[in-house]
């Protein structure tokens, strides 16, 4: 399964200045929590503290296919192949 992830408001610095990345998963049932766990493994913590302990830090707007993830059950939201997940920092001009 392929999930497209994009970053705004300066969050791209955590991911080698890439505004968009594609994550590949072997599993067919993917939740937002799986995306966050994968991002945590590839984020450069020296560039930006993208995570606060095991969760995203406050001030990051998360969209799933342009809809607020709070409407989609946040970390428990089920994702489909080719879904787009956007992370936008509201603290850095997002």
N, C-alpha and C. Protein backbone atom coordinates (compact mmCIF):
# COMPACT_ATOMS: atom_id res chain seq x y z
N UNK A 1 0.84 -1.18 0.00
CA UNK A 1 0.00 0.00 0.00
C UNK A 1 0.89 1.24 0.00
N UNK A 2 0.51 2.22 -0.79
CA UNK A 2 1.28 3.45 -0.91
C UNK A 2 0.49 4.59 -0.28
N UNK A 3 1.18 5.37 0.57
CA UNK A 3 0.61 6.55 1.19
C UNK A 3 1.50 7.74 0.82
N UNK A 4 0.90 8.81 0.34
CA UNK A 4 1.64 10.01 -0.02
C UNK A 4 1.58 10.97 1.17
N UNK A 5 2.74 11.46 1.57
CA UNK A 5 2.82 12.36 2.73
C UNK A 5 3.46 13.66 2.28
N UNK A 6 2.83 14.78 2.63
CA UNK A 6 3.45 16.06 2.32
C UNK A 6 3.54 16.92 3.58
N UNK A 7 4.49 17.86 3.52
CA UNK A 7 4.82 18.67 4.69
C UNK A 7 4.75 20.15 4.33
N UNK A 8 4.21 20.95 5.25
CA UNK A 8 4.14 22.39 5.03
C UNK A 8 4.51 23.15 6.30
N UNK A 9 4.70 24.43 6.15
CA UNK A 9 5.01 25.28 7.30
C UNK A 9 6.38 25.05 7.89
N UNK A 10 7.29 24.50 7.10
CA UNK A 10 8.65 24.28 7.59
C UNK A 10 8.95 22.88 8.07
N UNK A 11 7.97 21.99 8.09
CA UNK A 11 8.21 20.62 8.57
C UNK A 11 9.09 19.80 7.64
N UNK A 12 9.23 20.24 6.41
CA UNK A 12 10.06 19.51 5.46
C UNK A 12 11.53 19.44 5.89
N UNK A 13 11.98 20.36 6.73
CA UNK A 13 13.38 20.33 7.17
C UNK A 13 13.70 19.06 7.96
N UNK A 14 12.70 18.47 8.55
CA UNK A 14 12.89 17.23 9.30
C UNK A 14 13.09 16.04 8.37
N UNK A 15 12.70 16.20 7.10
CA UNK A 15 12.75 15.10 6.14
C UNK A 15 13.61 15.49 4.93
N UNK A 16 14.81 15.96 5.22
CA UNK A 16 15.81 16.32 4.21
C UNK A 16 15.27 17.32 3.19
N UNK A 17 14.46 18.26 3.67
CA UNK A 17 13.88 19.34 2.85
C UNK A 17 12.96 18.82 1.74
N UNK A 18 12.46 17.61 1.90
CA UNK A 18 11.51 17.07 0.92
C UNK A 18 10.10 17.51 1.32
N UNK A 19 9.42 18.14 0.41
CA UNK A 19 8.04 18.59 0.68
C UNK A 19 7.05 17.44 0.57
N UNK A 20 7.44 16.37 -0.12
CA UNK A 20 6.55 15.22 -0.30
C UNK A 20 7.38 13.94 -0.31
N UNK A 21 6.87 12.92 0.37
CA UNK A 21 7.50 11.60 0.34
C UNK A 21 6.39 10.56 0.14
N UNK A 22 6.79 9.39 -0.30
CA UNK A 22 5.85 8.28 -0.46
C UNK A 22 6.28 7.16 0.48
N UNK A 23 5.34 6.68 1.26
CA UNK A 23 5.60 5.56 2.17
C UNK A 23 4.96 4.31 1.60
N UNK A 24 5.71 3.22 1.61
CA UNK A 24 5.19 1.93 1.13
C UNK A 24 4.99 1.00 2.34
N UNK A 25 3.85 0.37 2.38
CA UNK A 25 3.52 -0.58 3.44
C UNK A 25 3.15 -1.91 2.81
N UNK A 26 3.61 -2.99 3.41
CA UNK A 26 3.23 -4.32 2.93
C UNK A 26 1.82 -4.68 3.38
N UNK A 27 1.44 -4.20 4.56
CA UNK A 27 0.11 -4.50 5.09
C UNK A 27 -0.96 -3.79 4.26
N UNK A 28 -2.15 -4.36 4.25
CA UNK A 28 -3.27 -3.76 3.53
C UNK A 28 -4.18 -2.91 4.44
N UNK A 29 -4.06 -3.10 5.76
CA UNK A 29 -4.83 -2.32 6.72
C UNK A 29 -3.87 -1.37 7.43
N UNK A 30 -3.91 -0.11 7.04
CA UNK A 30 -3.01 0.88 7.60
C UNK A 30 -3.82 1.94 8.33
N UNK A 31 -3.34 2.31 9.52
CA UNK A 31 -3.94 3.39 10.29
C UNK A 31 -2.97 4.57 10.30
N UNK A 32 -3.48 5.73 10.66
CA UNK A 32 -2.62 6.90 10.78
C UNK A 32 -1.49 6.65 11.78
N UNK A 33 -1.76 5.88 12.81
CA UNK A 33 -0.72 5.57 13.80
C UNK A 33 0.47 4.90 13.13
N UNK A 34 0.22 4.05 12.12
CA UNK A 34 1.30 3.38 11.39
C UNK A 34 2.14 4.39 10.61
N UNK A 35 1.49 5.37 10.03
CA UNK A 35 2.21 6.42 9.29
C UNK A 35 3.08 7.22 10.25
N UNK A 36 2.54 7.58 11.40
CA UNK A 36 3.30 8.36 12.38
C UNK A 36 4.51 7.57 12.88
N UNK A 37 4.33 6.29 13.15
CA UNK A 37 5.45 5.46 13.59
C UNK A 37 6.54 5.41 12.53
N UNK A 38 6.15 5.25 11.27
CA UNK A 38 7.13 5.20 10.17
C UNK A 38 7.84 6.55 10.04
N UNK A 39 7.10 7.63 10.13
CA UNK A 39 7.72 8.95 10.02
C UNK A 39 8.72 9.19 11.14
N UNK A 40 8.40 8.69 12.32
CA UNK A 40 9.31 8.88 13.45
C UNK A 40 10.65 8.21 13.19
N UNK A 41 10.65 7.10 12.45
CA UNK A 41 11.90 6.40 12.17
C UNK A 41 12.76 7.11 11.13
N UNK A 42 12.15 7.95 10.29
CA UNK A 42 12.92 8.62 9.24
C UNK A 42 13.13 10.12 9.48
N UNK A 43 12.48 10.66 10.49
CA UNK A 43 12.62 12.09 10.81
C UNK A 43 13.99 12.36 11.42
N UNK A 44 14.61 13.44 11.00
CA UNK A 44 15.88 13.86 11.58
C UNK A 44 15.60 14.75 12.79
N UNK A 45 15.73 14.21 14.01
CA UNK A 45 15.39 14.99 15.21
C UNK A 45 16.31 16.17 15.45
N UNK A 46 17.46 16.19 14.81
CA UNK A 46 18.37 17.32 14.99
C UNK A 46 17.88 18.57 14.25
N UNK A 47 17.06 18.37 13.24
CA UNK A 47 16.55 19.49 12.46
C UNK A 47 15.31 20.11 13.07
N UNK A 48 14.41 19.28 13.60
CA UNK A 48 13.15 19.78 14.12
C UNK A 48 12.54 18.72 15.01
N UNK A 49 12.00 19.13 16.13
CA UNK A 49 11.33 18.19 17.02
C UNK A 49 9.89 18.00 16.52
N UNK A 50 9.73 17.09 15.57
CA UNK A 50 8.44 16.80 14.95
C UNK A 50 7.51 16.06 15.91
N UNK A 51 8.12 15.34 16.84
CA UNK A 51 7.35 14.51 17.76
C UNK A 51 7.54 14.95 19.20
N UNK A 52 6.50 14.82 19.96
CA UNK A 52 6.53 15.09 21.40
C UNK A 52 6.29 13.75 22.06
N UNK A 53 7.32 13.15 22.60
CA UNK A 53 7.31 11.77 23.11
C UNK A 53 6.85 10.85 21.99
N UNK A 54 5.74 10.13 22.16
CA UNK A 54 5.27 9.19 21.15
C UNK A 54 4.23 9.79 20.21
N UNK A 55 3.88 11.05 20.40
CA UNK A 55 2.85 11.68 19.60
C UNK A 55 3.42 12.86 18.83
N UNK A 56 2.62 13.35 17.90
CA UNK A 56 3.02 14.57 17.20
C UNK A 56 3.04 15.72 18.19
N UNK A 57 3.93 16.64 17.99
CA UNK A 57 3.97 17.78 18.89
C UNK A 57 2.77 18.68 18.63
N UNK A 58 2.37 19.45 19.64
CA UNK A 58 1.26 20.40 19.43
C UNK A 58 1.62 21.42 18.35
N UNK A 59 0.62 21.90 17.64
CA UNK A 59 0.84 22.90 16.61
C UNK A 59 0.98 22.34 15.22
N UNK A 60 0.74 21.04 15.05
CA UNK A 60 0.81 20.43 13.72
C UNK A 60 -0.61 20.08 13.28
N UNK A 61 -1.04 20.69 12.20
CA UNK A 61 -2.33 20.38 11.61
C UNK A 61 -2.15 19.16 10.72
N UNK A 62 -3.02 18.17 10.89
CA UNK A 62 -2.93 16.93 10.11
C UNK A 62 -4.20 16.81 9.26
N UNK A 63 -3.99 16.59 7.97
CA UNK A 63 -5.10 16.41 7.04
C UNK A 63 -4.98 15.05 6.35
N UNK A 64 -6.10 14.38 6.20
CA UNK A 64 -6.16 13.14 5.43
C UNK A 64 -7.04 13.44 4.22
N UNK A 65 -6.43 13.42 3.04
CA UNK A 65 -7.15 13.78 1.81
C UNK A 65 -7.86 15.13 1.97
N UNK A 66 -7.13 16.10 2.52
CA UNK A 66 -7.59 17.48 2.71
C UNK A 66 -8.70 17.65 3.75
N UNK A 67 -8.94 16.63 4.58
CA UNK A 67 -9.93 16.73 5.67
C UNK A 67 -9.20 16.62 7.01
N UNK A 68 -9.59 17.43 7.96
CA UNK A 68 -8.99 17.41 9.29
C UNK A 68 -9.06 16.00 9.87
N UNK A 69 -7.94 15.50 10.37
CA UNK A 69 -7.91 14.13 10.86
C UNK A 69 -8.75 13.94 12.11
N UNK A 70 -9.09 15.02 12.79
CA UNK A 70 -9.95 14.91 13.96
C UNK A 70 -11.35 14.46 13.56
N UNK A 71 -11.73 14.71 12.32
CA UNK A 71 -13.01 14.23 11.81
C UNK A 71 -12.94 12.77 11.39
N UNK A 72 -11.72 12.26 11.27
CA UNK A 72 -11.48 10.91 10.78
C UNK A 72 -10.98 9.96 11.87
N UNK A 73 -11.07 10.33 13.13
CA UNK A 73 -10.67 9.48 14.25
C UNK A 73 -9.16 9.49 14.54
N UNK A 74 -8.49 10.55 14.13
CA UNK A 74 -7.07 10.79 14.42
C UNK A 74 -6.19 9.57 14.14
N UNK A 75 -5.46 9.08 15.16
CA UNK A 75 -4.51 7.98 14.96
C UNK A 75 -5.18 6.68 14.52
N UNK A 76 -6.47 6.53 14.79
CA UNK A 76 -7.18 5.29 14.44
C UNK A 76 -7.77 5.32 13.03
N UNK A 77 -7.64 6.44 12.33
CA UNK A 77 -8.20 6.57 10.98
C UNK A 77 -7.61 5.51 10.05
N UNK A 78 -8.46 4.81 9.34
CA UNK A 78 -8.02 3.82 8.35
C UNK A 78 -7.66 4.52 7.05
N UNK A 79 -6.53 4.14 6.48
CA UNK A 79 -6.08 4.74 5.23
C UNK A 79 -6.23 3.75 4.08
N UNK A 80 -6.38 4.30 2.90
CA UNK A 80 -6.51 3.52 1.67
C UNK A 80 -5.29 3.79 0.78
N UNK A 81 -5.09 2.90 -0.18
CA UNK A 81 -4.00 3.05 -1.15
C UNK A 81 -4.09 4.42 -1.82
N UNK A 82 -2.96 5.10 -1.91
CA UNK A 82 -2.82 6.42 -2.53
C UNK A 82 -3.48 7.56 -1.76
N UNK A 83 -3.85 7.34 -0.51
CA UNK A 83 -4.34 8.45 0.31
C UNK A 83 -3.21 9.47 0.49
N UNK A 84 -3.59 10.72 0.66
CA UNK A 84 -2.62 11.79 0.91
C UNK A 84 -2.79 12.28 2.34
N UNK A 85 -1.67 12.30 3.06
CA UNK A 85 -1.65 12.79 4.43
C UNK A 85 -0.75 14.02 4.46
N UNK A 86 -1.29 15.12 4.99
CA UNK A 86 -0.54 16.37 5.04
C UNK A 86 -0.29 16.76 6.49
N UNK A 87 0.93 17.19 6.76
CA UNK A 87 1.33 17.70 8.06
C UNK A 87 1.75 19.15 7.86
N UNK A 88 1.08 20.07 8.55
CA UNK A 88 1.35 21.49 8.38
C UNK A 88 1.58 22.11 9.75
N UNK A 89 2.75 22.71 9.91
CA UNK A 89 3.06 23.37 11.17
C UNK A 89 2.33 24.71 11.21
N UNK A 90 1.58 24.93 12.28
CA UNK A 90 0.93 26.22 12.47
C UNK A 90 1.83 27.17 13.24
N UNK A 91 2.98 26.68 13.68
CA UNK A 91 3.91 27.50 14.45
C UNK A 91 4.98 28.15 13.56
N UNK A 92 5.10 27.69 12.32
CA UNK A 92 6.13 28.20 11.43
C UNK A 92 5.52 28.73 10.15
N UNK A 93 4.39 29.40 10.25
CA UNK A 93 3.81 30.03 9.07
C UNK A 93 2.89 29.13 8.28
N UNK A 94 2.48 27.99 8.85
CA UNK A 94 1.63 27.06 8.11
C UNK A 94 0.22 27.53 7.98
